[in-house]
Amino acid sequence: MIGNLTKDPDARTTQAGKAVTSFTIAVNRRFRDKSGDPVTDFFTVVTWDKLAESCGRYLSKGKKVAVVGELQTRSCDAKDGSKRYVTEIVADEVEFLSPRERQEENPTAGFTDVPDEDLPF
């Protein structure tokens, strides 16, 4: 799947100390609806360990990613007694497709100007 993050990722650590990060991506379908608007699907992505740490550190809302993984469906019981199902993409690979934001490059950062007459040589 290739899509854009809908919000900043949720990075956390399990009680066992494993890093896990989840985020939602918006993926446009190849066709439009009857009114000409694009059709978009939303997928929850879950990453673990080192991949989770990288996603939590470098991704943010609006960034474009390519996700490779498998679909996983789990169920739980809601408070009203009904069974709820959640389908997620458990990612094996996440490729960051948005260009890296460049910080202002200044090779003389941290140096102060010293008048020539103050130089010892």
PDB file of N, CA and C in Angstrom:
ATOM      1  N   MET A   1       0.841  -1.170   0.000  1.00  0.00           N
ATOM      2  CA  MET A   1       0.000   0.000   0.000  1.00  0.00           C
ATOM      3  C   MET A   1       0.890   1.238   0.000  1.00  0.00           C
ATOM      4  N   ILE A   2       0.467   2.223  -0.732  1.00  0.00           N
ATOM      5  CA  ILE A   2       1.148   3.518  -0.715  1.00  0.00           C
ATOM      6  C   ILE A   2       0.111   4.549  -0.312  1.00  0.00           C
ATOM      7  N   GLY A   3       0.435   5.318   0.715  1.00  0.00           N
ATOM      8  CA  GLY A   3      -0.501   6.326   1.186  1.00  0.00           C
ATOM      9  C   GLY A   3       0.172   7.365   2.055  1.00  0.00           C
ATOM     10  N   ASN A   4      -0.652   8.296   2.541  1.00  0.00           N
ATOM     11  CA  ASN A   4      -0.166   9.383   3.392  1.00  0.00           C
ATOM     12  C   ASN A   4      -0.689   9.203   4.808  1.00  0.00           C
ATOM     13  N   LEU A   5       0.153   9.509   5.795  1.00  0.00           N
ATOM     14  CA  LEU A   5      -0.273   9.422   7.190  1.00  0.00           C
ATOM     15  C   LEU A   5      -1.366  10.440   7.472  1.00  0.00           C
ATOM     16  N   THR A   6      -2.409  10.014   8.170  1.00  0.00           N
ATOM     17  CA  THR A   6      -3.527  10.896   8.488  1.00  0.00           C
ATOM     18  C   THR A   6      -3.277  11.698   9.752  1.00  0.00           C
ATOM     19  N   LYS A   7      -2.344  11.246  10.585  1.00  0.00           N
ATOM     20  CA  LYS A   7      -1.953  11.966  11.798  1.00  0.00           C
ATOM     21  C   LYS A   7      -0.585  11.454  12.225  1.00  0.00           C
ATOM     22  N   ASP A   8       0.007  12.083  13.210  1.00  0.00           N
ATOM     23  CA  ASP A   8       1.307  11.642  13.701  1.00  0.00           C
ATOM     24  C   ASP A   8       1.211  10.225  14.251  1.00  0.00           C
ATOM     25  N   PRO A   9       2.267   9.418  14.086  1.00  0.00           N
ATOM     26  CA  PRO A   9       2.229   8.044  14.580  1.00  0.00           C
ATOM     27  C   PRO A   9       2.167   7.989  16.110  1.00  0.00           C
ATOM     28  N   ASP A  10       1.629   6.880  16.612  1.00  0.00           N
ATOM     29  CA  ASP A  10       1.522   6.638  18.049  1.00  0.00           C
ATOM     30  C   ASP A  10       2.610   5.639  18.420  1.00  0.00           C
ATOM     31  N   ALA A  11       3.711   6.122  18.986  1.00  0.00           N
ATOM     32  CA  ALA A  11       4.835   5.277  19.378  1.00  0.00           C
ATOM     33  C   ALA A  11       4.747   4.986  20.870  1.00  0.00           C
ATOM     34  N   ARG A  12       4.924   3.721  21.223  1.00  0.00           N
ATOM     35  CA  ARG A  12       4.867   3.327  22.627  1.00  0.00           C
ATOM     36  C   ARG A  12       5.728   2.091  22.840  1.00  0.00           C
ATOM     37  N   THR A  13       5.814   1.671  24.085  1.00  0.00           N
ATOM     38  CA  THR A  13       6.567   0.482  24.453  1.00  0.00           C
ATOM     39  C   THR A  13       5.653  -0.446  25.230  1.00  0.00           C
ATOM     40  N   THR A  14       5.716  -1.741  24.920  1.00  0.00           N
ATOM     41  CA  THR A  14       4.897  -2.709  25.643  1.00  0.00           C
ATOM     42  C   THR A  14       5.473  -2.914  27.040  1.00  0.00           C
ATOM     43  N   GLN A  15       4.722  -3.604  27.888  1.00  0.00           N
ATOM     44  CA  GLN A  15       5.213  -3.904  29.237  1.00  0.00           C
ATOM     45  C   GLN A  15       6.468  -4.766  29.189  1.00  0.00           C
ATOM     46  N   ALA A  16       6.608  -5.534  28.123  1.00  0.00           N
ATOM     47  CA  ALA A  16       7.789  -6.382  27.954  1.00  0.00           C
ATOM     48  C   ALA A  16       8.975  -5.605  27.387  1.00  0.00           C
ATOM     49  N   GLY A  17       8.782  -4.324  27.085  1.00  0.00           N
ATOM     50  CA  GLY A  17       9.873  -3.487  26.600  1.00  0.00           C
ATOM     51  C   GLY A  17      10.036  -3.452  25.088  1.00  0.00           C
ATOM     52  N   LYS A  18       9.080  -3.996  24.327  1.00  0.00           N
ATOM     53  CA  LYS A  18       9.161  -3.967  22.863  1.00  0.00           C
ATOM     54  C   LYS A  18       8.557  -2.674  22.338  1.00  0.00           C
ATOM     55  N   ALA A  19       9.237  -2.073  21.357  1.00  0.00           N
ATOM     56  CA  ALA A  19       8.730  -0.855  20.718  1.00  0.00           C
ATOM     57  C   ALA A  19       7.634  -1.229  19.731  1.00  0.00           C
ATOM     58  N   VAL A  20       6.548  -0.475  19.762  1.00  0.00           N
ATOM     59  CA  VAL A  20       5.455  -0.659  18.804  1.00  0.00           C
ATOM     60  C   VAL A  20       4.945   0.720  18.403  1.00  0.00           C
ATOM     61  N   THR A  21       4.764   0.908  17.107  1.00  0.00           N
ATOM     62  CA  THR A  21       4.247   2.172  16.585  1.00  0.00           C
ATOM     63  C   THR A  21       3.100   1.860  15.638  1.00  0.00           C
ATOM     64  N   SER A  22       2.011   2.602  15.781  1.00  0.00           N
ATOM     65  CA  SER A  22       0.883   2.432  14.864  1.00  0.00           C
ATOM     66  C   SER A  22       0.539   3.782  14.249  1.00  0.00           C
ATOM     67  N   PHE A  23       0.043   3.715  13.027  1.00  0.00           N
ATOM     68  CA  PHE A  23      -0.377   4.919  12.319  1.00  0.00           C
ATOM     69  C   PHE A  23      -1.399   4.520  11.271  1.00  0.00           C
ATOM     70  N   THR A  24      -2.127   5.505  10.782  1.00  0.00           N
ATOM     71  CA  THR A  24      -3.145   5.271   9.765  1.00  0.00           C
ATOM     72  C   THR A  24      -2.716   5.956   8.480  1.00  0.00           C
ATOM     73  N   ILE A  25      -2.876   5.236   7.363  1.00  0.00           N
ATOM     74  CA  ILE A  25      -2.572   5.828   6.065  1.00  0.00           C
ATOM     75  C   ILE A  25      -3.848   5.924   5.238  1.00  0.00           C
ATOM     76  N   ALA A  26      -3.911   6.981   4.449  1.00  0.00           N
ATOM     77  CA  ALA A  26      -5.010   7.181   3.505  1.00  0.00           C
ATOM     78  C   ALA A  26      -4.502   6.765   2.130  1.00  0.00           C
ATOM     79  N   VAL A  27      -5.223   5.832   1.506  1.00  0.00           N
ATOM     80  CA  VAL A  27      -4.824   5.301   0.202  1.00  0.00           C
ATOM     81  C   VAL A  27      -5.927   5.605  -0.809  1.00  0.00           C
ATOM     82  N   ASN A  28      -5.576   6.338  -1.862  1.00  0.00           N
ATOM     83  CA  ASN A  28      -6.548   6.657  -2.912  1.00  0.00           C
ATOM     84  C   ASN A  28      -6.715   5.468  -3.847  1.00  0.00           C
ATOM     85  N   ARG A  29      -7.968   5.177  -4.181  1.00  0.00           N
ATOM     86  CA  ARG A  29      -8.229   4.139  -5.179  1.00  0.00           C
ATOM     87  C   ARG A  29      -7.942   4.709  -6.563  1.00  0.00           C
ATOM     88  N   ARG A  30      -7.917   3.854  -7.553  1.00  0.00           N
ATOM     89  CA  ARG A  30      -7.594   4.280  -8.921  1.00  0.00           C
ATOM     90  C   ARG A  30      -8.771   4.912  -9.641  1.00  0.00           C
ATOM     91  N   PHE A  31      -9.947   4.865  -9.041  1.00  0.00           N
ATOM     92  CA  PHE A  31     -11.120   5.431  -9.695  1.00  0.00           C
ATOM     93  C   PHE A  31     -11.752   6.483  -8.805  1.00  0.00           C
ATOM     94  N   ARG A  32     -12.705   7.214  -9.380  1.00  0.00           N
ATOM     95  CA  ARG A  32     -13.421   8.262  -8.650  1.00  0.00           C
ATOM     96  C   ARG A  32     -14.881   7.861  -8.522  1.00  0.00           C
ATOM     97  N   ASP A  33     -15.576   8.499  -7.585  1.00  0.00           N
ATOM     98  CA  ASP A  33     -17.005   8.207  -7.425  1.00  0.00           C
ATOM     99  C   ASP A  33     -17.814   8.940  -8.504  1.00  0.00           C
ATOM    100  N   LYS A  34     -19.134   8.822  -8.448  1.00  0.00           N
ATOM    101  CA  LYS A  34     -20.008   9.400  -9.475  1.00  0.00           C
ATOM    102  C   LYS A  34     -19.878  10.908  -9.596  1.00  0.00           C
ATOM    103  N   SER A  35     -19.539  11.575  -8.489  1.00  0.00           N
ATOM    104  CA  SER A  35     -19.403  13.036  -8.529  1.00  0.00           C
ATOM    105  C   SER A  35     -17.991  13.480  -8.925  1.00  0.00           C
ATOM    106  N   GLY A  36     -17.091  12.518  -9.177  1.00  0.00           N
ATOM    107  CA  GLY A  36     -15.735  12.863  -9.612  1.00  0.00           C
ATOM    108  C   GLY A  36     -14.728  12.996  -8.495  1.00  0.00           C
ATOM    109  N   ASP A  37     -15.166  12.764  -7.257  1.00  0.00           N
ATOM    110  CA  ASP A  37     -14.242  12.854  -6.122  1.00  0.00           C
ATOM    111  C   ASP A  37     -13.453  11.555  -5.975  1.00  0.00           C
ATOM    112  N   PRO A  38     -12.187  11.652  -5.544  1.00  0.00           N
ATOM    113  CA  PRO A  38     -11.409  10.427  -5.352  1.00  0.00           C
ATOM    114  C   PRO A  38     -11.989   9.588  -4.208  1.00  0.00           C
ATOM    115  N   VAL A  39     -11.876   8.280  -4.338  1.00  0.00           N
ATOM    116  CA  VAL A  39     -12.317   7.359  -3.293  1.00  0.00           C
ATOM    117  C   VAL A  39     -11.080   6.987  -2.480  1.00  0.00           C
ATOM    118  N   THR A  40     -11.162   7.149  -1.172  1.00  0.00           N
ATOM    119  CA  THR A  40     -10.019   6.914  -0.296  1.00  0.00           C
ATOM    120  C   THR A  40     -10.367   5.870   0.742  1.00  0.00           C
ATOM    121  N   ASP A  41      -9.426   4.950   0.981  1.00  0.00           N
ATOM    122  CA  ASP A  41      -9.548   3.965   2.047  1.00  0.00           C
ATOM    123  C   ASP A  41      -8.517   4.289   3.118  1.00  0.00           C
ATOM    124  N   PHE A  42      -8.825   3.927   4.359  1.00  0.00           N
ATOM    125  CA  PHE A  42      -7.943   4.200   5.487  1.00  0.00           C
ATOM    126  C   PHE A  42      -7.528   2.877   6.121  1.00  0.00           C
ATOM    127  N   PHE A  43      -6.229   2.703   6.313  1.00  0.00           N
ATOM    128  CA  PHE A  43      -5.684   1.468   6.864  1.00  0.00           C
ATOM    129  C   PHE A  43      -4.817   1.762   8.079  1.00  0.00           C
ATOM    130  N   THR A  44      -5.002   0.974   9.121  1.00  0.00           N
ATOM    131  CA  THR A  44      -4.143   1.073  10.298  1.00  0.00           C
ATOM    132  C   THR A  44      -2.934   0.176  10.080  1.00  0.00           C
ATOM    133  N   VAL A  45      -1.751   0.723  10.334  1.00  0.00           N
ATOM    134  CA  VAL A  45      -0.494   0.005  10.166  1.00  0.00           C
ATOM    135  C   VAL A  45       0.157  -0.126  11.535  1.00  0.00           C
ATOM    136  N   VAL A  46       0.680  -1.319  11.834  1.00  0.00           N
ATOM    137  CA  VAL A  46       1.373  -1.571  13.091  1.00  0.00           C
ATOM    138  C   VAL A  46       2.792  -2.027  12.768  1.00  0.00           C
ATOM    139  N   THR A  47       3.772  -1.421  13.431  1.00  0.00           N
ATOM    140  CA  THR A  47       5.175  -1.811  13.257  1.00  0.00           C
ATOM    141  C   THR A  47       5.759  -2.180  14.610  1.00  0.00           C
ATOM    142  N   TRP A  48       6.785  -3.027  14.595  1.00  0.00           N
ATOM    143  CA  TRP A  48       7.406  -3.518  15.826  1.00  0.00           C
ATOM    144  C   TRP A  48       8.912  -3.313  15.807  1.00  0.00           C
ATOM    145  N   ASP A  49       9.501  -3.280  16.979  1.00  0.00           N
ATOM    146  CA  ASP A  49      10.953  -3.270  17.209  1.00  0.00           C
ATOM    147  C   ASP A  49      11.647  -2.087  16.533  1.00  0.00           C
ATOM    148  N   LYS A  50      12.748  -2.353  15.814  1.00  0.00           N
ATOM    149  CA  LYS A  50      13.546  -1.274  15.207  1.00  0.00           C
ATOM    150  C   LYS A  50      12.740  -0.484  14.181  1.00  0.00           C
ATOM    151  N   LEU A  51      11.899  -1.180  13.416  1.00  0.00           N
ATOM    152  CA  LEU A  51      11.061  -0.493  12.440  1.00  0.00           C
ATOM    153  C   LEU A  51      10.108   0.462  13.147  1.00  0.00           C
ATOM    154  N   ALA A  52       9.569   0.041  14.278  1.00  0.00           N
ATOM    155  CA  ALA A  52       8.676   0.902  15.056  1.00  0.00           C
ATOM    156  C   ALA A  52       9.416   2.141  15.558  1.00  0.00           C
ATOM    157  N   GLU A  53      10.642   1.960  15.998  1.00  0.00           N
ATOM    158  CA  GLU A  53      11.430   3.100  16.476  1.00  0.00           C
ATOM    159  C   GLU A  53      11.679   4.104  15.350  1.00  0.00           C
ATOM    160  N   SER A  54      12.022   3.613  14.160  1.00  0.00           N
ATOM    161  CA  SER A  54      12.269   4.502  13.016  1.00  0.00           C
ATOM    162  C   SER A  54      10.997   5.234  12.602  1.00  0.00           C
ATOM    163  N   CYS A  55       9.880   4.503  12.542  1.00  0.00           N
ATOM    164  CA  CYS A  55       8.617   5.128  12.146  1.00  0.00           C
ATOM    165  C   CYS A  55       8.194   6.187  13.159  1.00  0.00           C
ATOM    166  N   GLY A  56       8.352   5.893  14.438  1.00  0.00           N
ATOM    167  CA  GLY A  56       7.996   6.851  15.476  1.00  0.00           C
ATOM    168  C   GLY A  56       8.863   8.095  15.442  1.00  0.00           C
ATOM    169  N   ARG A  57      10.112   7.928  15.053  1.00  0.00           N
ATOM    170  CA  ARG A  57      11.059   9.042  15.050  1.00  0.00           C
ATOM    171  C   ARG A  57      10.940   9.905  13.799  1.00  0.00           C
ATOM    172  N   TYR A  58      10.744   9.309  12.637  1.00  0.00           N
ATOM    173  CA  TYR A  58      10.865  10.054  11.384  1.00  0.00           C
ATOM    174  C   TYR A  58       9.560  10.348  10.650  1.00  0.00           C
ATOM    175  N   LEU A  59       8.470   9.678  11.004  1.00  0.00           N
ATOM    176  CA  LEU A  59       7.218   9.919  10.305  1.00  0.00           C
ATOM    177  C   LEU A  59       6.373  10.957  11.022  1.00  0.00           C
ATOM    178  N   SER A  60       5.532  11.634  10.261  1.00  0.00           N
ATOM    179  CA  SER A  60       4.590  12.591  10.824  1.00  0.00           C
ATOM    180  C   SER A  60       3.414  12.737   9.862  1.00  0.00           C
ATOM    181  N   LYS A  61       2.408  13.419  10.305  1.00  0.00           N
ATOM    182  CA  LYS A  61       1.185  13.610   9.523  1.00  0.00           C
ATOM    183  C   LYS A  61       1.517  14.134   8.125  1.00  0.00           C
ATOM    184  N   GLY A  62       0.890  13.529   7.124  1.00  0.00           N
ATOM    185  CA  GLY A  62       1.064  13.973   5.751  1.00  0.00           C
ATOM    186  C   GLY A  62       2.183  13.292   4.992  1.00  0.00           C
ATOM    187  N   LYS A  63       3.107  12.623   5.677  1.00  0.00           N
ATOM    188  CA  LYS A  63       4.226  11.961   5.002  1.00  0.00           C
ATOM    189  C   LYS A  63       3.714  10.786   4.176  1.00  0.00           C
ATOM    190  N   LYS A  64       4.325  10.585   3.013  1.00  0.00           N
ATOM    191  CA  LYS A  64       3.955   9.477   2.124  1.00  0.00           C
ATOM    192  C   LYS A  64       4.861   8.284   2.416  1.00  0.00           C
ATOM    193  N   VAL A  65       4.221   7.096   2.533  1.00  0.00           N
ATOM    194  CA  VAL A  65       4.959   5.870   2.807  1.00  0.00           C
ATOM    195  C   VAL A  65       4.462   4.737   1.917  1.00  0.00           C
ATOM    196  N   ALA A  66       5.329   3.763   1.690  1.00  0.00           N
ATOM    197  CA  ALA A  66       4.958   2.497   1.069  1.00  0.00           C
ATOM    198  C   ALA A  66       5.075   1.445   2.157  1.00  0.00           C
ATOM    199  N   VAL A  67       4.031   0.659   2.324  1.00  0.00           N
ATOM    200  CA  VAL A  67       3.978  -0.327   3.402  1.00  0.00           C
ATOM    201  C   VAL A  67       3.868  -1.720   2.797  1.00  0.00           C
ATOM    202  N   VAL A  68       4.716  -2.638   3.263  1.00  0.00           N
ATOM    203  CA  VAL A  68       4.656  -4.043   2.869  1.00  0.00           C
ATOM    204  C   VAL A  68       4.442  -4.840   4.144  1.00  0.00           C
ATOM    205  N   GLY A  69       3.432  -5.699   4.124  1.00  0.00           N
ATOM    206  CA  GLY A  69       3.164  -6.495   5.317  1.00  0.00           C
ATOM    207  C   GLY A  69       2.022  -7.444   5.083  1.00  0.00           C
ATOM    208  N   GLU A  70       1.456  -7.927   6.168  1.00  0.00           N
ATOM    209  CA  GLU A  70       0.339  -8.853   6.064  1.00  0.00           C
ATOM    210  C   GLU A  70      -0.850  -8.314   6.830  1.00  0.00           C
ATOM    211  N   LEU A  71      -2.041  -8.678   6.346  1.00  0.00           N
ATOM    212  CA  LEU A  71      -3.262  -8.293   7.038  1.00  0.00           C
ATOM    213  C   LEU A  71      -3.468  -9.211   8.230  1.00  0.00           C
ATOM    214  N   GLN A  72      -3.868  -8.621   9.332  1.00  0.00           N
ATOM    215  CA  GLN A  72      -4.147  -9.395  10.541  1.00  0.00           C
ATOM    216  C   GLN A  72      -5.490  -8.920  11.087  1.00  0.00           C
ATOM    217  N   THR A  73      -6.375  -9.852  11.364  1.00  0.00           N
ATOM    218  CA  THR A  73      -7.668  -9.527  11.951  1.00  0.00           C
ATOM    219  C   THR A  73      -7.717 -10.112  13.346  1.00  0.00           C
ATOM    220  N   ARG A  74      -8.127  -9.298  14.293  1.00  0.00           N
ATOM    221  CA  ARG A  74      -8.294  -9.768  15.672  1.00  0.00           C
ATOM    222  C   ARG A  74      -9.668  -9.342  16.143  1.00  0.00           C
ATOM    223  N   SER A  75     -10.149  -9.978  17.187  1.00  0.00           N
ATOM    224  CA  SER A  75     -11.475  -9.647  17.693  1.00  0.00           C
ATOM    225  C   SER A  75     -11.408  -9.392  19.190  1.00  0.00           C
ATOM    226  N   CYS A  76     -12.401  -8.652  19.668  1.00  0.00           N
ATOM    227  CA  CYS A  76     -12.534  -8.387  21.094  1.00  0.00           C
ATOM    228  C   CYS A  76     -14.012  -8.176  21.391  1.00  0.00           C
ATOM    229  N   ASP A  77     -14.363  -8.293  22.647  1.00  0.00           N
ATOM    230  CA  ASP A  77     -15.750  -8.093  23.048  1.00  0.00           C
ATOM    231  C   ASP A  77     -15.938  -6.661  23.515  1.00  0.00           C
ATOM    232  N   ALA A  78     -16.948  -5.990  22.972  1.00  0.00           N
ATOM    233  CA  ALA A  78     -17.260  -4.621  23.363  1.00  0.00           C
ATOM    234  C   ALA A  78     -18.004  -4.629  24.698  1.00  0.00           C
ATOM    235  N   LYS A  79     -18.137  -3.469  25.301  1.00  0.00           N
ATOM    236  CA  LYS A  79     -18.830  -3.355  26.589  1.00  0.00           C
ATOM    237  C   LYS A  79     -20.280  -3.813  26.513  1.00  0.00           C
ATOM    238  N   ASP A  80     -20.886  -3.643  25.327  1.00  0.00           N
ATOM    239  CA  ASP A  80     -22.286  -4.060  25.175  1.00  0.00           C
ATOM    240  C   ASP A  80     -22.423  -5.556  24.882  1.00  0.00           C
ATOM    241  N   GLY A  81     -21.310  -6.278  24.878  1.00  0.00           N
ATOM    242  CA  GLY A  81     -21.348  -7.720  24.667  1.00  0.00           C
ATOM    243  C   GLY A  81     -21.182  -8.146  23.222  1.00  0.00           C
ATOM    244  N   SER A  82     -21.187  -7.217  22.298  1.00  0.00           N
ATOM    245  CA  SER A  82     -21.021  -7.571  20.888  1.00  0.00           C
ATOM    246  C   SER A  82     -19.544  -7.809  20.570  1.00  0.00           C
ATOM    247  N   LYS A  83     -19.287  -8.584  19.551  1.00  0.00           N
ATOM    248  CA  LYS A  83     -17.919  -8.881  19.134  1.00  0.00           C
ATOM    249  C   LYS A  83     -17.489  -7.844  18.106  1.00  0.00           C
ATOM    250  N   ARG A  84     -16.332  -7.278  18.302  1.00  0.00           N
ATOM    251  CA  ARG A  84     -15.765  -6.280  17.381  1.00  0.00           C
ATOM    252  C   ARG A  84     -14.542  -6.877  16.709  1.00  0.00           C
ATOM    253  N   TYR A  85     -14.371  -6.544  15.447  1.00  0.00           N
ATOM    254  CA  TYR A  85     -13.227  -7.033  14.681  1.00  0.00           C
ATOM    255  C   TYR A  85     -12.380  -5.852  14.228  1.00  0.00           C
ATOM    256  N   VAL A  86     -11.072  -6.032  14.304  1.00  0.00           N
ATOM    257  CA  VAL A  86     -10.125  -5.010  13.883  1.00  0.00           C
ATOM    258  C   VAL A  86      -9.182  -5.651  12.869  1.00  0.00           C
ATOM    259  N   THR A  87      -9.048  -5.024  11.706  1.00  0.00           N
ATOM    260  CA  THR A  87      -8.107  -5.502  10.693  1.00  0.00           C
ATOM    261  C   THR A  87      -7.007  -4.467  10.541  1.00  0.00           C
ATOM    262  N   GLU A  88      -5.753  -4.922  10.631  1.00  0.00           N
ATOM    263  CA  GLU A  88      -4.593  -4.032  10.573  1.00  0.00           C
ATOM    264  C   GLU A  88      -3.573  -4.617   9.602  1.00  0.00           C
ATOM    265  N   ILE A  89      -2.705  -3.751   9.115  1.00  0.00           N
ATOM    266  CA  ILE A  89      -1.547  -4.203   8.349  1.00  0.00           C
ATOM    267  C   ILE A  89      -0.382  -4.279   9.332  1.00  0.00           C
ATOM    268  N   VAL A  90       0.164  -5.467   9.530  1.00  0.00           N
ATOM    269  CA  VAL A  90       1.368  -5.627  10.342  1.00  0.00           C
ATOM    270  C   VAL A  90       2.533  -5.534   9.367  1.00  0.00           C
ATOM    271  N   ALA A  91       3.254  -4.437   9.441  1.00  0.00           N
ATOM    272  CA  ALA A  91       4.261  -4.112   8.423  1.00  0.00           C
ATOM    273  C   ALA A  91       5.582  -4.830   8.670  1.00  0.00           C
ATOM    274  N   ASP A  92       6.112  -5.383   7.581  1.00  0.00           N
ATOM    275  CA  ASP A  92       7.471  -5.930   7.575  1.00  0.00           C
ATOM    276  C   ASP A  92       8.450  -4.877   7.084  1.00  0.00           C
ATOM    277  N   GLU A  93       7.958  -4.010   6.186  1.00  0.00           N
ATOM    278  CA  GLU A  93       8.787  -2.952   5.602  1.00  0.00           C
ATOM    279  C   GLU A  93       7.963  -1.673   5.491  1.00  0.00           C
ATOM    280  N   VAL A  94       8.581  -0.552   5.765  1.00  0.00           N
ATOM    281  CA  VAL A  94       7.976   0.758   5.537  1.00  0.00           C
ATOM    282  C   VAL A  94       9.032   1.608   4.852  1.00  0.00           C
ATOM    283  N   GLU A  95       8.723   2.049   3.641  1.00  0.00           N
ATOM    284  CA  GLU A  95       9.645   2.907   2.916  1.00  0.00           C
ATOM    285  C   GLU A  95       9.132   4.335   2.983  1.00  0.00           C
ATOM    286  N   PHE A  96       9.990   5.239   3.423  1.00  0.00           N
ATOM    287  CA  PHE A  96       9.622   6.644   3.541  1.00  0.00           C
ATOM    288  C   PHE A  96       9.758   7.282   2.162  1.00  0.00           C
ATOM    289  N   LEU A  97       8.655   7.753   1.603  1.00  0.00           N
ATOM    290  CA  LEU A  97       8.653   8.283   0.236  1.00  0.00           C
ATOM    291  C   LEU A  97       8.703   9.801   0.167  1.00  0.00           C
ATOM    292  N   SER A  98       8.367  10.485   1.250  1.00  0.00           N
ATOM    293  CA  SER A  98       8.437  11.952   1.250  1.00  0.00           C
ATOM    294  C   SER A  98       9.888  12.377   1.377  1.00  0.00           C
ATOM    295  N   PRO A  99      10.259  13.445   0.671  1.00  0.00           N
ATOM    296  CA  PRO A  99      11.640  13.921   0.811  1.00  0.00           C
ATOM    297  C   PRO A  99      11.910  14.368   2.242  1.00  0.00           C
ATOM    298  N   ARG A 100      13.131  14.156   2.654  1.00  0.00           N
ATOM    299  CA  ARG A 100      13.543  14.560   3.991  1.00  0.00           C
ATOM    300  C   ARG A 100      13.522  16.075   4.091  1.00  0.00           C
ATOM    301  N   GLU A 101      12.993  16.580   5.201  1.00  0.00           N
ATOM    302  CA  GLU A 101      12.973  18.029   5.391  1.00  0.00           C
ATOM    303  C   GLU A 101      14.382  18.481   5.721  1.00  0.00           C
ATOM    304  N   ARG A 102      14.834  19.444   4.972  1.00  0.00           N
ATOM    305  CA  ARG A 102      16.197  19.925   5.177  1.00  0.00           C
ATOM    306  C   ARG A 102      16.210  21.020   6.219  1.00  0.00           C
ATOM    307  N   GLN A 103      17.162  20.893   7.124  1.00  0.00           N
ATOM    308  CA  GLN A 103      17.366  21.979   8.062  1.00  0.00           C
ATOM    309  C   GLN A 103      18.284  22.974   7.389  1.00  0.00           C
ATOM    310  N   GLU A 104      18.219  24.182   7.844  1.00  0.00           N
ATOM    311  CA  GLU A 104      19.035  25.225   7.233  1.00  0.00           C
ATOM    312  C   GLU A 104      20.497  24.831   7.319  1.00  0.00           C
ATOM    313  N   GLU A 105      21.117  24.707   6.151  1.00  0.00           N
ATOM    314  CA  GLU A 105      22.517  24.303   6.113  1.00  0.00           C
ATOM    315  C   GLU A 105      23.390  25.539   6.243  1.00  0.00           C
ATOM    316  N   ASN A 106      24.204  25.574   7.274  1.00  0.00           N
ATOM    317  CA  ASN A 106      25.090  26.693   7.512  1.00  0.00           C
ATOM    318  C   ASN A 106      26.418  26.125   8.000  1.00  0.00           C
ATOM    319  N   PRO A 107      27.407  26.016   7.117  1.00  0.00           N
ATOM    320  CA  PRO A 107      28.674  25.401   7.499  1.00  0.00           C
ATOM    321  C   PRO A 107      29.431  26.168   8.578  1.00  0.00           C
ATOM    322  N   THR A 108      29.095  27.428   8.810  1.00  0.00           N
ATOM    323  CA  THR A 108      29.793  28.210   9.829  1.00  0.00           C
ATOM    324  C   THR A 108      28.986  28.322  11.113  1.00  0.00           C
ATOM    325  N   ALA A 109      27.960  27.488  11.257  1.00  0.00           N
ATOM    326  CA  ALA A 109      27.136  27.540  12.464  1.00  0.00           C
ATOM    327  C   ALA A 109      27.998  27.274  13.689  1.00  0.00           C
ATOM    328  N   GLY A 110      27.812  28.050  14.714  1.00  0.00           N
ATOM    329  CA  GLY A 110      28.564  27.881  15.953  1.00  0.00           C
ATOM    330  C   GLY A 110      29.833  28.706  16.010  1.00  0.00           C
ATOM    331  N   PHE A 111      30.234  29.344  14.915  1.00  0.00           N
ATOM    332  CA  PHE A 111      31.426  30.172  14.890  1.00  0.00           C
ATOM    333  C   PHE A 111      31.023  31.637  14.950  1.00  0.00           C
ATOM    334  N   THR A 112      31.856  32.423  15.562  1.00  0.00           N
ATOM    335  CA  THR A 112      31.595  33.856  15.625  1.00  0.00           C
ATOM    336  C   THR A 112      32.615  34.581  14.756  1.00  0.00           C
ATOM    337  N   ASP A 113      32.217  35.715  14.239  1.00  0.00           N
ATOM    338  CA  ASP A 113      33.130  36.514  13.429  1.00  0.00           C
ATOM    339  C   ASP A 113      34.131  37.217  14.329  1.00  0.00           C
ATOM    340  N   VAL A 114      35.400  37.120  13.947  1.00  0.00           N
ATOM    341  CA  VAL A 114      36.468  37.788  14.682  1.00  0.00           C
ATOM    342  C   VAL A 114      37.144  38.748  13.716  1.00  0.00           C
ATOM    343  N   PRO A 115      37.266  40.002  14.079  1.00  0.00           N
ATOM    344  CA  PRO A 115      37.942  40.956  13.194  1.00  0.00           C
ATOM    345  C   PRO A 115      39.362  40.498  12.880  1.00  0.00           C
ATOM    346  N   ASP A 116      39.829  40.763  11.638  1.00  0.00           N
ATOM    347  CA  ASP A 116      41.156  40.315  11.200  1.00  0.00           C
ATOM    348  C   ASP A 116      42.268  40.810  12.116  1.00  0.00           C
ATOM    349  N   GLU A 117      42.132  42.024  12.645  1.00  0.00           N
ATOM    350  CA  GLU A 117      43.216  42.563  13.492  1.00  0.00           C
ATOM    351  C   GLU A 117      43.344  41.818  14.814  1.00  0.00           C
ATOM    352  N   ASP A 118      42.354  41.023  15.185  1.00  0.00           N
ATOM    353  CA  ASP A 118      42.420  40.246  16.418  1.00  0.00           C
ATOM    354  C   ASP A 118      43.032  38.858  16.208  1.00  0.00           C
ATOM    355  N   LEU A 119      43.313  38.485  14.956  1.00  0.00           N
ATOM    356  CA  LEU A 119      43.886  37.164  14.688  1.00  0.00           C
ATOM    357  C   LEU A 119      45.365  37.174  15.018  1.00  0.00           C
ATOM    358  N   PRO A 120      45.892  36.074  15.602  1.00  0.00           N
ATOM    359  CA  PRO A 120      47.292  36.039  16.024  1.00  0.00           C
ATOM    360  C   PRO A 120      48.272  35.792  14.886  1.00  0.00           C
ATOM    361  N   PHE A 121      47.819  35.593  13.677  1.00  0.00           N
ATOM    362  CA  PHE A 121      48.750  35.318  12.576  1.00  0.00           C
ATOM    363  C   PHE A 121      48.545  36.250  11.419  1.00  0.00           C
TER     364      PHE A 121
END
